[in-house]
Amino acid sequence: MGIELITVAIVVALFSLMALGVPLGASTLLISVTTAYFAFGSNGFILVTSAVTKVMDKQALIAVPFFVFMANIMERSGVAKELFNSMAILGGQIRGGVAVQTCLVAVILAAMSGVVGGEIVLLGVIALPQLFRLGYDRKLSIGVLCASGSLATLIPPSVVLIVYGAEANVSIKDLFTAGIGPGVLLALLYISYVLVRVRMNPTMGPVFDAPEAQLPFFERLSHLKGLILPFLLIFGVLGSIYGGIATVTESAAIGAVGALIVAAARRALTLTGIRDAL
């Protein structure tokens, strides 16, 4: 069988297992082991184990569980929800403002977690009901969440960039630096699209009707306390990297500890929350 047919068979098998509800990790493991066995016989098992050992020996990957843990703690402590509320109030009564704030919150969440899937789920739980309640267009709302949620792929500390850097032997710090510009540019493009779209069709993006959003601008600034702790955490993680104080792995540990401190400061740190995050 040629390499083309083998590739097609692997892709079809992967999607079939995922469609049946088999977890992604189990699916990829089963397919890789099976393919290695059919291609190389019993020696294929040696190939699989050596590949796994090579990956597990990359210390940079230690940062991944730290950043995932940090994201989980921030979600369960209510920081993300307060962050969204503060940003929505800051936007005031700009048409399409809540969708714009959702993009901005996605950028901040990306800088706090670096986990794409978790960020999209979090935005779906927090922002989507609000967008639907205000009467935003369904397709626009879901599109904004999916597009802005994917920014965690580029904006540091991106778990994807960590894995790529470890595999390609490229400086993760350089990848982080290179990802900021495209990530921010995409966010600005999403925001521009929303503003133009709701201007063309006002029914797609109503005005935020909360009483706090109707206050004068300087009075709305008093509601920005929800931004203080997230920005301190982001500064601690990214500042330690770019300041040369800590490596990416060490900064991930700083972020994990910082998330615990933030949750404790909000009196939202519980044993149940820590267990669920772990």
Protein backbone atom coordinates (compact mmCIF):
# COMPACT_ATOMS: atom_id res chain seq x y z
CA MET A 1 0.00 0.00 0.00
CA GLY A 2 1.39 3.40 -0.97
CA ILE A 3 2.04 6.22 1.47
CA GLU A 4 -0.90 8.15 0.01
CA LEU A 5 -3.44 5.43 0.83
CA ILE A 6 -1.91 4.90 4.27
CA THR A 7 -2.25 8.62 5.01
CA VAL A 8 -5.89 8.61 3.90
CA ALA A 9 -6.59 5.52 6.02
CA ILE A 10 -5.02 7.16 9.10
CA VAL A 11 -7.07 10.35 8.68
CA VAL A 12 -10.31 8.42 8.07
CA ALA A 13 -9.66 6.18 11.09
CA LEU A 14 -8.91 9.18 13.31
CA PHE A 15 -12.11 11.02 12.40
CA SER A 16 -14.15 7.80 12.67
CA LEU A 17 -12.93 7.14 16.21
CA MET A 18 -13.58 10.76 17.20
CA ALA A 19 -17.10 10.53 15.72
CA LEU A 20 -17.70 7.46 17.87
CA GLY A 21 -16.77 9.47 20.96
CA VAL A 22 -13.36 7.95 21.62
CA PRO A 23 -11.12 10.49 23.41
CA LEU A 24 -8.53 12.14 21.17
CA GLY A 25 -5.58 10.83 23.18
CA ALA A 26 -6.82 7.24 22.98
CA SER A 27 -7.62 7.62 19.27
CA THR A 28 -4.17 8.89 18.30
CA LEU A 29 -2.44 6.28 20.48
CA LEU A 30 -4.45 3.41 18.99
CA ILE A 31 -3.88 4.57 15.41
CA SER A 32 -0.16 5.22 15.89
CA VAL A 33 0.48 1.85 17.53
CA THR A 34 -1.61 -0.01 14.94
CA THR A 35 0.08 1.74 12.00
CA ALA A 36 3.54 1.13 13.44
CA TYR A 37 2.77 -2.57 13.91
CA PHE A 38 1.48 -3.08 10.36
CA ALA A 39 4.40 -1.10 8.90
CA PHE A 40 7.31 -2.51 10.94
CA GLY A 41 5.96 -5.52 12.78
CA SER A 42 6.94 -5.93 16.42
CA ASN A 43 9.76 -3.41 15.93
CA GLY A 44 7.06 -0.77 15.54
CA PHE A 45 6.41 -0.91 19.29
CA ILE A 46 10.04 0.06 19.91
CA LEU A 47 9.57 3.00 17.52
CA VAL A 48 6.50 4.18 19.42
CA THR A 49 8.10 3.94 22.84
CA SER A 50 11.27 5.72 21.71
CA ALA A 51 9.17 8.53 20.20
CA VAL A 52 7.19 8.92 23.42
CA THR A 53 10.38 8.93 25.48
CA LYS A 54 11.86 11.63 23.23
CA VAL A 55 8.81 13.85 23.69
CA MET A 56 8.61 13.33 27.44
CA ASP A 57 12.26 14.31 27.76
CA LYS A 58 11.54 17.86 26.57
CA GLN A 59 11.44 19.96 29.74
CA ALA A 60 9.70 22.88 28.02
CA LEU A 61 6.52 20.81 27.87
CA ILE A 62 6.29 20.99 31.67
CA ALA A 63 4.84 24.47 31.13
CA VAL A 64 1.71 23.03 29.50
CA PRO A 65 0.04 21.52 32.60
CA PHE A 66 0.97 24.61 34.62
CA PHE A 67 -0.80 26.93 32.17
CA VAL A 68 -3.81 24.61 31.94
CA PHE A 69 -4.02 24.55 35.74
CA MET A 70 -3.79 28.36 35.83
CA ALA A 71 -6.65 28.65 33.35
CA ASN A 72 -8.80 26.23 35.33
CA ILE A 73 -8.26 28.11 38.59
CA MET A 74 -9.09 31.46 36.96
CA GLU A 75 -12.28 29.99 35.55
CA ARG A 76 -13.46 28.50 38.83
CA SER A 77 -12.60 31.57 40.89
CA GLY A 78 -14.96 33.77 38.87
CA VAL A 79 -12.22 36.09 37.57
CA ALA A 80 -13.15 35.52 33.93
CA LYS A 81 -16.83 36.32 34.54
CA GLU A 82 -16.01 39.53 36.41
CA LEU A 83 -13.56 40.44 33.66
CA PHE A 84 -16.26 40.14 31.01
CA ASN A 85 -18.76 42.18 33.04
CA SER A 86 -16.23 44.95 33.60
CA MET A 87 -15.32 45.13 29.92
CA ALA A 88 -18.99 45.15 28.86
CA ILE A 89 -19.72 48.07 31.20
CA LEU A 90 -16.65 49.94 29.91
CA GLY A 91 -17.96 49.63 26.37
CA GLY A 92 -21.06 51.56 27.35
CA GLN A 93 -23.81 51.84 24.78
CA ILE A 94 -21.74 51.39 21.64
CA ARG A 95 -23.74 49.37 19.12
CA GLY A 96 -22.17 45.94 18.96
CA GLY A 97 -20.16 46.83 22.06
CA VAL A 98 -20.67 43.53 23.86
CA ALA A 99 -19.35 41.59 20.84
CA VAL A 100 -16.35 43.94 20.73
CA GLN A 101 -15.75 43.46 24.45
CA THR A 102 -15.93 39.71 23.91
CA CYS A 103 -13.00 39.98 21.48
CA LEU A 104 -11.03 42.07 23.95
CA VAL A 105 -11.77 39.66 26.80
CA ALA A 106 -10.63 36.80 24.55
CA VAL A 107 -7.26 38.52 24.12
CA ILE A 108 -6.89 38.93 27.88
CA LEU A 109 -7.98 35.34 28.56
CA ALA A 110 -5.50 34.12 25.93
CA ALA A 111 -2.73 35.94 27.79
CA MET A 112 -3.92 34.38 31.05
CA SER A 113 -4.22 30.77 29.92
CA GLY A 114 -2.86 29.98 26.45
CA VAL A 115 -5.39 27.16 26.11
CA VAL A 116 -7.62 27.40 23.03
CA GLY A 117 -10.31 24.87 23.93
CA GLY A 118 -10.74 26.09 27.48
CA GLU A 119 -11.00 29.70 26.38
CA ILE A 120 -13.73 29.00 23.82
CA VAL A 121 -15.72 26.98 26.35
CA LEU A 122 -15.30 29.73 28.93
CA LEU A 123 -16.46 32.43 26.51
CA GLY A 124 -19.37 30.22 25.51
CA VAL A 125 -20.49 29.90 29.11
CA ILE A 126 -20.02 33.57 30.01
CA ALA A 127 -20.49 35.65 26.88
CA LEU A 128 -22.83 33.64 24.64
CA PRO A 129 -25.90 33.78 26.94
CA GLN A 130 -25.35 37.54 27.31
CA LEU A 131 -25.14 38.04 23.55
CA PHE A 132 -28.30 36.01 22.99
CA ARG A 133 -30.14 37.85 25.78
CA LEU A 134 -29.37 41.20 24.19
CA GLY A 135 -30.68 39.98 20.84
CA TYR A 136 -27.41 39.68 18.94
CA ASP A 137 -27.52 37.74 15.69
CA ARG A 138 -26.90 34.05 16.38
CA LYS A 139 -24.34 33.52 13.61
CA LEU A 140 -22.47 36.70 14.51
CA SER A 141 -22.35 35.73 18.20
CA ILE A 142 -21.06 32.21 17.61
CA GLY A 143 -18.61 33.44 14.96
CA VAL A 144 -17.15 36.06 17.28
CA LEU A 145 -16.66 33.47 20.04
CA CYS A 146 -15.01 30.89 17.80
CA ALA A 147 -12.77 33.40 16.02
CA SER A 148 -11.66 35.36 19.07
CA GLY A 149 -11.34 32.21 21.17
CA SER A 150 -8.77 30.85 18.73
CA LEU A 151 -6.45 33.79 19.47
CA ALA A 152 -4.92 31.73 22.27
CA THR A 153 -3.06 29.86 19.53
CA LEU A 154 -0.94 32.96 18.84
CA ILE A 155 -1.01 35.20 21.89
CA PRO A 156 1.51 34.13 24.55
CA PRO A 157 1.67 32.08 26.64
CA SER A 158 0.29 29.82 23.89
CA VAL A 159 0.44 26.12 24.66
CA VAL A 160 0.54 25.41 20.91
CA LEU A 161 3.67 27.53 20.53
CA ILE A 162 5.27 25.77 23.49
CA VAL A 163 4.69 22.35 21.94
CA TYR A 164 5.84 23.55 18.52
CA GLY A 165 8.97 25.18 19.93
CA ALA A 166 9.88 22.04 21.88
CA GLU A 167 9.46 19.83 18.82
CA ALA A 168 11.15 22.17 16.31
CA ASN A 169 13.97 23.17 18.69
CA VAL A 170 13.04 26.84 18.28
CA SER A 171 13.23 29.41 21.07
CA ILE A 172 9.82 29.54 22.73
CA LYS A 173 10.50 33.10 23.85
CA ASP A 174 11.07 34.11 20.21
CA LEU A 175 7.85 32.35 19.19
CA PHE A 176 5.96 34.23 21.91
CA THR A 177 7.40 37.52 20.69
CA ALA A 178 6.48 36.72 17.09
CA GLY A 179 2.92 35.70 18.01
CA ILE A 180 1.88 38.96 19.67
CA GLY A 181 1.65 41.05 16.49
CA PRO A 182 -0.49 38.65 14.43
CA GLY A 183 -2.68 37.88 17.43
CA VAL A 184 -3.44 41.54 18.15
CA LEU A 185 -3.90 42.24 14.43
CA LEU A 186 -6.48 39.46 14.13
CA ALA A 187 -8.32 40.79 17.19
CA LEU A 188 -8.47 44.28 15.64
CA LEU A 189 -9.76 42.82 12.37
CA TYR A 190 -12.50 40.90 14.21
CA ILE A 191 -13.50 44.06 16.09
CA SER A 192 -13.53 46.09 12.88
CA TYR A 193 -15.72 43.51 11.19
CA VAL A 194 -18.22 43.55 14.06
CA LEU A 195 -18.46 47.36 14.08
CA VAL A 196 -18.95 47.54 10.31
CA ARG A 197 -21.45 44.67 10.29
CA VAL A 198 -23.70 46.11 13.00
CA ARG A 199 -23.52 49.53 11.32
CA MET A 200 -24.79 47.98 8.09
CA ASN A 201 -27.46 45.97 9.92
CA PRO A 202 -28.26 47.46 13.37
CA THR A 203 -30.51 44.52 14.31
CA MET A 204 -27.45 42.24 14.46
CA GLY A 205 -25.90 44.12 17.39
CA PRO A 206 -28.19 45.94 19.82
CA VAL A 207 -27.02 48.37 22.49
CA PHE A 208 -26.04 47.07 25.95
CA ASP A 209 -28.97 47.97 28.21
CA ALA A 210 -27.42 47.55 31.66
CA PRO A 211 -27.85 50.61 33.95
CA GLU A 212 -24.10 50.75 34.58
CA ALA A 213 -23.43 51.06 30.83
CA GLN A 214 -25.46 54.26 30.73
CA LEU A 215 -23.23 56.06 33.23
CA PRO A 216 -20.74 58.73 32.12
CA PHE A 217 -17.39 57.38 31.00
CA PHE A 218 -15.40 58.35 34.09
CA GLU A 219 -18.03 56.81 36.36
CA ARG A 220 -17.84 53.59 34.36
CA LEU A 221 -14.12 53.44 35.09
CA SER A 222 -14.95 52.63 38.71
CA HIS A 223 -16.28 49.26 37.53
CA LEU A 224 -12.90 48.23 36.13
CA LYS A 225 -11.73 46.57 39.33
CA GLY A 226 -12.35 43.25 37.61
CA LEU A 227 -9.38 44.01 35.35
CA ILE A 228 -6.81 44.58 38.07
CA LEU A 229 -6.10 40.99 39.14
CA PRO A 230 -6.04 39.51 35.60
CA PHE A 231 -3.60 42.19 34.43
CA LEU A 232 -1.36 41.63 37.44
CA LEU A 233 -1.28 37.92 36.65
CA ILE A 234 -0.52 38.56 32.96
CA PHE A 235 2.24 41.01 33.92
CA GLY A 236 3.73 38.46 36.30
CA VAL A 237 3.80 35.67 33.71
CA LEU A 238 4.84 37.55 30.57
CA GLY A 239 6.94 40.12 32.41
CA SER A 240 9.05 37.39 33.98
CA ILE A 241 9.69 35.90 30.52
CA TYR A 242 10.52 39.06 28.60
CA GLY A 243 12.38 40.55 31.55
CA GLY A 244 14.75 37.61 31.53
CA ILE A 245 13.83 36.76 35.10
CA ALA A 246 12.41 33.31 34.39
CA THR A 247 12.24 30.72 31.63
CA VAL A 248 8.92 29.79 30.05
CA THR A 249 8.62 26.75 32.30
CA GLU A 250 9.38 28.80 35.41
CA SER A 251 6.95 31.53 34.39
CA ALA A 252 4.26 28.88 33.96
CA ALA A 253 4.84 27.86 37.57
CA ILE A 254 4.64 31.54 38.56
CA GLY A 255 1.29 31.75 36.74
CA ALA A 256 -0.04 28.68 38.52
CA VAL A 257 0.90 30.06 41.94
CA GLY A 258 -0.36 33.51 40.94
CA ALA A 259 -3.73 32.04 39.98
CA LEU A 260 -4.01 30.46 43.42
CA ILE A 261 -3.16 33.80 45.06
CA VAL A 262 -5.74 35.61 42.91
CA ALA A 263 -8.41 33.04 43.81
CA ALA A 264 -7.51 33.34 47.50
CA ALA A 265 -7.67 37.14 47.33
CA ARG A 266 -11.19 36.83 45.92
CA ARG A 267 -12.06 34.32 48.68
CA ALA A 268 -12.90 31.83 45.97
CA LEU A 269 -10.16 29.29 46.68
CA THR A 270 -11.68 25.99 47.81
CA LEU A 271 -10.41 22.44 48.02
CA THR A 272 -13.13 21.38 45.61
CA GLY A 273 -12.04 24.03 43.10
CA ILE A 274 -8.38 22.99 43.36
CA ARG A 275 -9.30 19.33 42.94
CA ASP A 276 -11.42 20.06 39.86
CA ALA A 277 -8.67 22.25 38.38
CA LEU A 278 -6.07 19.53 38.95
